[in-house]
Amino acid sequence: TIEDEAFQGCVNLSRILVPDSVTNIGRLAFVGCKKIEYLKLSNSLTAIKGSTFLGCTGLNSITIPNSVASI
């Protein structure tokens, strides 16, 4: 699990590679990470909590894996 607010405000974070061991991303986990340009979610991911990517203005698109049952 990536916990709630885990990377909140990490303004220099630009790439995220979520490993297959992660099944849940917590609420507001990446909020305010404005420089994220690349995101790869694992195929093991089953849940993405609310406002996870709020304010990630550098992120143009997200591909949600079929394994995700709730957002």
PDB file of N, CA and C in Angstrom:
ATOM      1  N   THR A   1       0.831  -1.190   0.000  1.00  0.00           N
ATOM      2  CA  THR A   1       0.000   0.000   0.000  1.00  0.00           C
ATOM      3  C   THR A   1       0.873   1.249   0.000  1.00  0.00           C
ATOM      4  N   ILE A   2       0.477   2.221  -0.787  1.00  0.00           N
ATOM      5  CA  ILE A   2       1.043   3.555  -0.666  1.00  0.00           C
ATOM      6  C   ILE A   2       0.060   4.301   0.222  1.00  0.00           C
ATOM      7  N   GLU A   3       0.510   4.701   1.391  1.00  0.00           N
ATOM      8  CA  GLU A   3      -0.358   5.280   2.417  1.00  0.00           C
ATOM      9  C   GLU A   3      -0.924   6.646   2.021  1.00  0.00           C
ATOM     10  N   ASP A   4      -1.998   7.050   2.719  1.00  0.00           N
ATOM     11  CA  ASP A   4      -2.587   8.376   2.542  1.00  0.00           C
ATOM     12  C   ASP A   4      -1.505   9.445   2.683  1.00  0.00           C
ATOM     13  N   GLU A   5      -1.504  10.400   1.771  1.00  0.00           N
ATOM     14  CA  GLU A   5      -0.612  11.562   1.802  1.00  0.00           C
ATOM     15  C   GLU A   5       0.883  11.212   1.782  1.00  0.00           C
ATOM     16  N   ALA A   6       1.225  10.008   1.342  1.00  0.00           N
ATOM     17  CA  ALA A   6       2.612   9.524   1.385  1.00  0.00           C
ATOM     18  C   ALA A   6       3.600  10.444   0.672  1.00  0.00           C
ATOM     19  N   PHE A   7       3.248  10.958  -0.482  1.00  0.00           N
ATOM     20  CA  PHE A   7       4.155  11.803  -1.257  1.00  0.00           C
ATOM     21  C   PHE A   7       3.587  13.208  -1.443  1.00  0.00           C
ATOM     22  N   GLN A   8       2.659  13.582  -0.619  1.00  0.00           N
ATOM     23  CA  GLN A   8       2.011  14.882  -0.723  1.00  0.00           C
ATOM     24  C   GLN A   8       3.047  16.001  -0.735  1.00  0.00           C
ATOM     25  N   GLY A   9       2.958  16.869  -1.746  1.00  0.00           N
ATOM     26  CA  GLY A   9       3.825  18.028  -1.821  1.00  0.00           C
ATOM     27  C   GLY A   9       5.258  17.764  -2.254  1.00  0.00           C
ATOM     28  N   CYS A  10       5.559  16.571  -2.737  1.00  0.00           N
ATOM     29  CA  CYS A  10       6.909  16.287  -3.246  1.00  0.00           C
ATOM     30  C   CYS A  10       7.022  16.952  -4.619  1.00  0.00           C
ATOM     31  N   VAL A  11       7.333  18.223  -4.606  1.00  0.00           N
ATOM     32  CA  VAL A  11       7.256  19.036  -5.819  1.00  0.00           C
ATOM     33  C   VAL A  11       8.273  18.671  -6.896  1.00  0.00           C
ATOM     34  N   ASN A  12       9.319  17.946  -6.562  1.00  0.00           N
ATOM     35  CA  ASN A  12      10.318  17.565  -7.560  1.00  0.00           C
ATOM     36  C   ASN A  12      10.143  16.144  -8.086  1.00  0.00           C
ATOM     37  N   LEU A  13       9.117  15.452  -7.624  1.00  0.00           N
ATOM     38  CA  LEU A  13       8.837  14.097  -8.089  1.00  0.00           C
ATOM     39  C   LEU A  13       8.332  14.171  -9.527  1.00  0.00           C
ATOM     40  N   SER A  14       9.013  13.486 -10.453  1.00  0.00           N
ATOM     41  CA  SER A  14       8.626  13.585 -11.862  1.00  0.00           C
ATOM     42  C   SER A  14       8.206  12.258 -12.483  1.00  0.00           C
ATOM     43  N   ARG A  15       8.640  11.143 -11.896  1.00  0.00           N
ATOM     44  CA  ARG A  15       8.302   9.821 -12.453  1.00  0.00           C
ATOM     45  C   ARG A  15       7.836   8.908 -11.322  1.00  0.00           C
ATOM     46  N   ILE A  16       6.788   8.147 -11.592  1.00  0.00           N
ATOM     47  CA  ILE A  16       6.284   7.183 -10.613  1.00  0.00           C
ATOM     48  C   ILE A  16       6.149   5.829 -11.300  1.00  0.00           C
ATOM     49  N   LEU A  17       6.812   4.840 -10.756  1.00  0.00           N
ATOM     50  CA  LEU A  17       6.680   3.460 -11.206  1.00  0.00           C
ATOM     51  C   LEU A  17       6.141   2.674 -10.016  1.00  0.00           C
ATOM     52  N   VAL A  18       4.876   2.335 -10.040  1.00  0.00           N
ATOM     53  CA  VAL A  18       4.262   1.608  -8.930  1.00  0.00           C
ATOM     54  C   VAL A  18       4.520   0.120  -9.137  1.00  0.00           C
ATOM     55  N   PRO A  19       5.260  -0.526  -8.224  1.00  0.00           N
ATOM     56  CA  PRO A  19       5.602  -1.944  -8.400  1.00  0.00           C
ATOM     57  C   PRO A  19       4.389  -2.863  -8.220  1.00  0.00           C
ATOM     58  N   ASP A  20       4.519  -4.083  -8.710  1.00  0.00           N
ATOM     59  CA  ASP A  20       3.431  -5.060  -8.627  1.00  0.00           C
ATOM     60  C   ASP A  20       3.063  -5.426  -7.194  1.00  0.00           C
ATOM     61  N   SER A  21       3.931  -5.149  -6.239  1.00  0.00           N
ATOM     62  CA  SER A  21       3.623  -5.457  -4.837  1.00  0.00           C
ATOM     63  C   SER A  21       2.592  -4.495  -4.247  1.00  0.00           C
ATOM     64  N   VAL A  22       2.321  -3.385  -4.923  1.00  0.00           N
ATOM     65  CA  VAL A  22       1.350  -2.393  -4.437  1.00  0.00           C
ATOM     66  C   VAL A  22      -0.036  -2.720  -4.990  1.00  0.00           C
ATOM     67  N   THR A  23      -1.002  -2.878  -4.088  1.00  0.00           N
ATOM     68  CA  THR A  23      -2.378  -3.160  -4.499  1.00  0.00           C
ATOM     69  C   THR A  23      -3.327  -1.996  -4.227  1.00  0.00           C
ATOM     70  N   ASN A  24      -2.917  -1.054  -3.367  1.00  0.00           N
ATOM     71  CA  ASN A  24      -3.769   0.091  -3.018  1.00  0.00           C
ATOM     72  C   ASN A  24      -2.945   1.374  -2.968  1.00  0.00           C
ATOM     73  N   ILE A  25      -3.550   2.456  -3.475  1.00  0.00           N
ATOM     74  CA  ILE A  25      -2.945   3.780  -3.341  1.00  0.00           C
ATOM     75  C   ILE A  25      -3.899   4.609  -2.491  1.00  0.00           C
ATOM     76  N   GLY A  26      -3.373   5.161  -1.411  1.00  0.00           N
ATOM     77  CA  GLY A  26      -4.172   5.895  -0.439  1.00  0.00           C
ATOM     78  C   GLY A  26      -4.617   7.272  -0.895  1.00  0.00           C
ATOM     79  N   ARG A  27      -5.527   7.827  -0.109  1.00  0.00           N
ATOM     80  CA  ARG A  27      -6.108   9.131  -0.358  1.00  0.00           C
ATOM     81  C   ARG A  27      -5.026  10.213  -0.325  1.00  0.00           C
ATOM     82  N   LEU A  28      -5.067  11.107  -1.311  1.00  0.00           N
ATOM     83  CA  LEU A  28      -4.147  12.245  -1.413  1.00  0.00           C
ATOM     84  C   LEU A  28      -2.665  11.829  -1.494  1.00  0.00           C
ATOM     85  N   ALA A  29      -2.396  10.623  -1.937  1.00  0.00           N
ATOM     86  CA  ALA A  29      -1.028  10.092  -1.930  1.00  0.00           C
ATOM     87  C   ALA A  29      -0.033  10.956  -2.701  1.00  0.00           C
ATOM     88  N   PHE A  30      -0.447  11.532  -3.812  1.00  0.00           N
ATOM     89  CA  PHE A  30       0.463  12.327  -4.629  1.00  0.00           C
ATOM     90  C   PHE A  30      -0.030  13.761  -4.818  1.00  0.00           C
ATOM     91  N   VAL A  31      -0.904  14.226  -3.965  1.00  0.00           N
ATOM     92  CA  VAL A  31      -1.492  15.558  -4.116  1.00  0.00           C
ATOM     93  C   VAL A  31      -0.409  16.634  -4.117  1.00  0.00           C
ATOM     94  N   GLY A  32      -0.503  17.553  -5.085  1.00  0.00           N
ATOM     95  CA  GLY A  32       0.432  18.660  -5.177  1.00  0.00           C
ATOM     96  C   GLY A  32       1.765  18.347  -5.831  1.00  0.00           C
ATOM     97  N   CYS A  33       1.921  17.149  -6.358  1.00  0.00           N
ATOM     98  CA  CYS A  33       3.167  16.768  -7.042  1.00  0.00           C
ATOM     99  C   CYS A  33       3.083  17.260  -8.486  1.00  0.00           C
ATOM    100  N   LYS A  34       3.327  18.534  -8.672  1.00  0.00           N
ATOM    101  CA  LYS A  34       3.070  19.207  -9.946  1.00  0.00           C
ATOM    102  C   LYS A  34       3.960  18.784 -11.099  1.00  0.00           C
ATOM    103  N   LYS A  35       5.113  18.207 -10.815  1.00  0.00           N
ATOM    104  CA  LYS A  35       6.054  17.866 -11.885  1.00  0.00           C
ATOM    105  C   LYS A  35       5.920  16.430 -12.392  1.00  0.00           C
ATOM    106  N   ILE A  36       5.003  15.656 -11.840  1.00  0.00           N
ATOM    107  CA  ILE A  36       4.850  14.275 -12.324  1.00  0.00           C
ATOM    108  C   ILE A  36       4.439  14.319 -13.790  1.00  0.00           C
ATOM    109  N   GLU A  37       5.271  13.712 -14.622  1.00  0.00           N
ATOM    110  CA  GLU A  37       4.993  13.638 -16.055  1.00  0.00           C
ATOM    111  C   GLU A  37       4.800  12.206 -16.527  1.00  0.00           C
ATOM    112  N   TYR A  38       5.318  11.261 -15.762  1.00  0.00           N
ATOM    113  CA  TYR A  38       5.234   9.849 -16.157  1.00  0.00           C
ATOM    114  C   TYR A  38       4.703   9.041 -14.979  1.00  0.00           C
ATOM    115  N   LEU A  39       3.751   8.182 -15.270  1.00  0.00           N
ATOM    116  CA  LEU A  39       3.144   7.340 -14.243  1.00  0.00           C
ATOM    117  C   LEU A  39       2.869   5.964 -14.823  1.00  0.00           C
ATOM    118  N   LYS A  40       3.384   4.931 -14.167  1.00  0.00           N
ATOM    119  CA  LYS A  40       3.082   3.553 -14.568  1.00  0.00           C
ATOM    120  C   LYS A  40       2.521   2.849 -13.345  1.00  0.00           C
ATOM    121  N   LEU A  41       1.262   2.449 -13.451  1.00  0.00           N
ATOM    122  CA  LEU A  41       0.590   1.744 -12.358  1.00  0.00           C
ATOM    123  C   LEU A  41       0.747   0.245 -12.549  1.00  0.00           C
ATOM    124  N   SER A  42       0.818  -0.476 -11.440  1.00  0.00           N
ATOM    125  CA  SER A  42       0.989  -1.930 -11.509  1.00  0.00           C
ATOM    126  C   SER A  42      -0.307  -2.610 -11.923  1.00  0.00           C
ATOM    127  N   ASN A  43      -0.178  -3.776 -12.509  1.00  0.00           N
ATOM    128  CA  ASN A  43      -1.348  -4.571 -12.879  1.00  0.00           C
ATOM    129  C   ASN A  43      -1.944  -5.293 -11.683  1.00  0.00           C
ATOM    130  N   SER A  44      -1.321  -5.157 -10.510  1.00  0.00           N
ATOM    131  CA  SER A  44      -1.840  -5.741  -9.269  1.00  0.00           C
ATOM    132  C   SER A  44      -2.697  -4.750  -8.500  1.00  0.00           C
ATOM    133  N   LEU A  45      -2.721  -3.520  -8.945  1.00  0.00           N
ATOM    134  CA  LEU A  45      -3.447  -2.460  -8.250  1.00  0.00           C
ATOM    135  C   LEU A  45      -4.943  -2.734  -8.277  1.00  0.00           C
ATOM    136  N   THR A  46      -5.602  -2.671  -7.111  1.00  0.00           N
ATOM    137  CA  THR A  46      -7.049  -2.925  -7.038  1.00  0.00           C
ATOM    138  C   THR A  46      -7.851  -1.714  -6.596  1.00  0.00           C
ATOM    139  N   ALA A  47      -7.200  -0.725  -5.935  1.00  0.00           N
ATOM    140  CA  ALA A  47      -7.938   0.438  -5.447  1.00  0.00           C
ATOM    141  C   ALA A  47      -7.085   1.699  -5.476  1.00  0.00           C
ATOM    142  N   ILE A  48      -7.712   2.794  -5.905  1.00  0.00           N
ATOM    143  CA  ILE A  48      -7.112   4.116  -5.875  1.00  0.00           C
ATOM    144  C   ILE A  48      -8.083   4.997  -5.101  1.00  0.00           C
ATOM    145  N   LYS A  49      -7.637   5.522  -3.979  1.00  0.00           N
ATOM    146  CA  LYS A  49      -8.505   6.330  -3.115  1.00  0.00           C
ATOM    147  C   LYS A  49      -8.661   7.751  -3.656  1.00  0.00           C
ATOM    148  N   GLY A  50      -9.561   8.519  -3.049  1.00  0.00           N
ATOM    149  CA  GLY A  50      -9.945   9.845  -3.514  1.00  0.00           C
ATOM    150  C   GLY A  50      -8.826  10.868  -3.570  1.00  0.00           C
ATOM    151  N   SER A  51      -8.882  11.701  -4.576  1.00  0.00           N
ATOM    152  CA  SER A  51      -7.989  12.843  -4.774  1.00  0.00           C
ATOM    153  C   SER A  51      -6.511  12.465  -4.798  1.00  0.00           C
ATOM    154  N   THR A  52      -6.227  11.267  -5.206  1.00  0.00           N
ATOM    155  CA  THR A  52      -4.853  10.772  -5.222  1.00  0.00           C
ATOM    156  C   THR A  52      -3.926  11.653  -6.045  1.00  0.00           C
ATOM    157  N   PHE A  53      -4.385  12.122  -7.186  1.00  0.00           N
ATOM    158  CA  PHE A  53      -3.539  12.897  -8.086  1.00  0.00           C
ATOM    159  C   PHE A  53      -3.985  14.349  -8.205  1.00  0.00           C
ATOM    160  N   LEU A  54      -4.676  14.860  -7.216  1.00  0.00           N
ATOM    161  CA  LEU A  54      -5.141  16.241  -7.209  1.00  0.00           C
ATOM    162  C   LEU A  54      -3.963  17.198  -7.294  1.00  0.00           C
ATOM    163  N   GLY A  55      -4.009  18.119  -8.238  1.00  0.00           N
ATOM    164  CA  GLY A  55      -2.944  19.106  -8.383  1.00  0.00           C
ATOM    165  C   GLY A  55      -1.723  18.623  -9.128  1.00  0.00           C
ATOM    166  N   CYS A  56      -1.785  17.446  -9.709  1.00  0.00           N
ATOM    167  CA  CYS A  56      -0.664  16.923 -10.506  1.00  0.00           C
ATOM    168  C   CYS A  56      -0.799  17.487 -11.918  1.00  0.00           C
ATOM    169  N   THR A  57      -0.478  18.748 -12.079  1.00  0.00           N
ATOM    170  CA  THR A  57      -0.742  19.461 -13.320  1.00  0.00           C
ATOM    171  C   THR A  57       0.165  19.050 -14.477  1.00  0.00           C
ATOM    172  N   GLY A  58       1.283  18.414 -14.199  1.00  0.00           N
ATOM    173  CA  GLY A  58       2.165  17.944 -15.255  1.00  0.00           C
ATOM    174  C   GLY A  58       1.740  16.617 -15.858  1.00  0.00           C
ATOM    175  N   LEU A  59       0.794  15.953 -15.205  1.00  0.00           N
ATOM    176  CA  LEU A  59       0.329  14.643 -15.654  1.00  0.00           C
ATOM    177  C   LEU A  59      -0.782  14.832 -16.682  1.00  0.00           C
ATOM    178  N   ASN A  60      -0.521  14.399 -17.908  1.00  0.00           N
ATOM    179  CA  ASN A  60      -1.482  14.598 -18.989  1.00  0.00           C
ATOM    180  C   ASN A  60      -2.468  13.461 -19.156  1.00  0.00           C
ATOM    181  N   SER A  61      -2.070  12.237 -18.780  1.00  0.00           N
ATOM    182  CA  SER A  61      -2.980  11.101 -18.912  1.00  0.00           C
ATOM    183  C   SER A  61      -2.580  10.001 -17.931  1.00  0.00           C
ATOM    184  N   ILE A  62      -3.568   9.191 -17.605  1.00  0.00           N
ATOM    185  CA  ILE A  62      -3.368   8.043 -16.729  1.00  0.00           C
ATOM    186  C   ILE A  62      -4.074   6.852 -17.359  1.00  0.00           C
ATOM    187  N   THR A  63      -3.385   5.726 -17.440  1.00  0.00           N
ATOM    188  CA  THR A  63      -4.013   4.489 -17.873  1.00  0.00           C
ATOM    189  C   THR A  63      -4.287   3.647 -16.631  1.00  0.00           C
ATOM    190  N   ILE A  64      -5.565   3.405 -16.365  1.00  0.00           N
ATOM    191  CA  ILE A  64      -5.970   2.637 -15.190  1.00  0.00           C
ATOM    192  C   ILE A  64      -6.012   1.151 -15.584  1.00  0.00           C
ATOM    193  N   PRO A  65      -5.265   0.307 -14.877  1.00  0.00           N
ATOM    194  CA  PRO A  65      -5.277  -1.124 -15.201  1.00  0.00           C
ATOM    195  C   PRO A  65      -6.658  -1.734 -14.954  1.00  0.00           C
ATOM    196  N   ASN A  66      -6.976  -2.793 -15.664  1.00  0.00           N
ATOM    197  CA  ASN A  66      -8.255  -3.500 -15.508  1.00  0.00           C
ATOM    198  C   ASN A  66      -8.424  -4.095 -14.117  1.00  0.00           C
ATOM    199  N   SER A  67      -7.330  -4.274 -13.405  1.00  0.00           N
ATOM    200  CA  SER A  67      -7.392  -4.853 -12.051  1.00  0.00           C
ATOM    201  C   SER A  67      -8.008  -3.919 -11.021  1.00  0.00           C
ATOM    202  N   VAL A  68      -8.090  -2.612 -11.328  1.00  0.00           N
ATOM    203  CA  VAL A  68      -8.617  -1.638 -10.379  1.00  0.00           C
ATOM    204  C   VAL A  68     -10.151  -1.785 -10.304  1.00  0.00           C
ATOM    205  N   ALA A  69     -10.627  -2.115  -9.104  1.00  0.00           N
ATOM    206  CA  ALA A  69     -12.055  -2.319  -8.877  1.00  0.00           C
ATOM    207  C   ALA A  69     -12.741  -1.101  -8.291  1.00  0.00           C
ATOM    208  N   SER A  70     -11.956  -0.203  -7.650  1.00  0.00           N
ATOM    209  CA  SER A  70     -12.578   0.991  -7.072  1.00  0.00           C
ATOM    210  C   SER A  70     -11.632   2.176  -7.141  1.00  0.00           C
ATOM    211  N   ILE A  71     -12.250   3.327  -7.442  1.00  0.00           N
ATOM    212  CA  ILE A  71     -11.525   4.595  -7.486  1.00  0.00           C
ATOM    213  C   ILE A  71     -12.295   5.577  -6.619  1.00  0.00           C
TER     214      ILE A  71
END
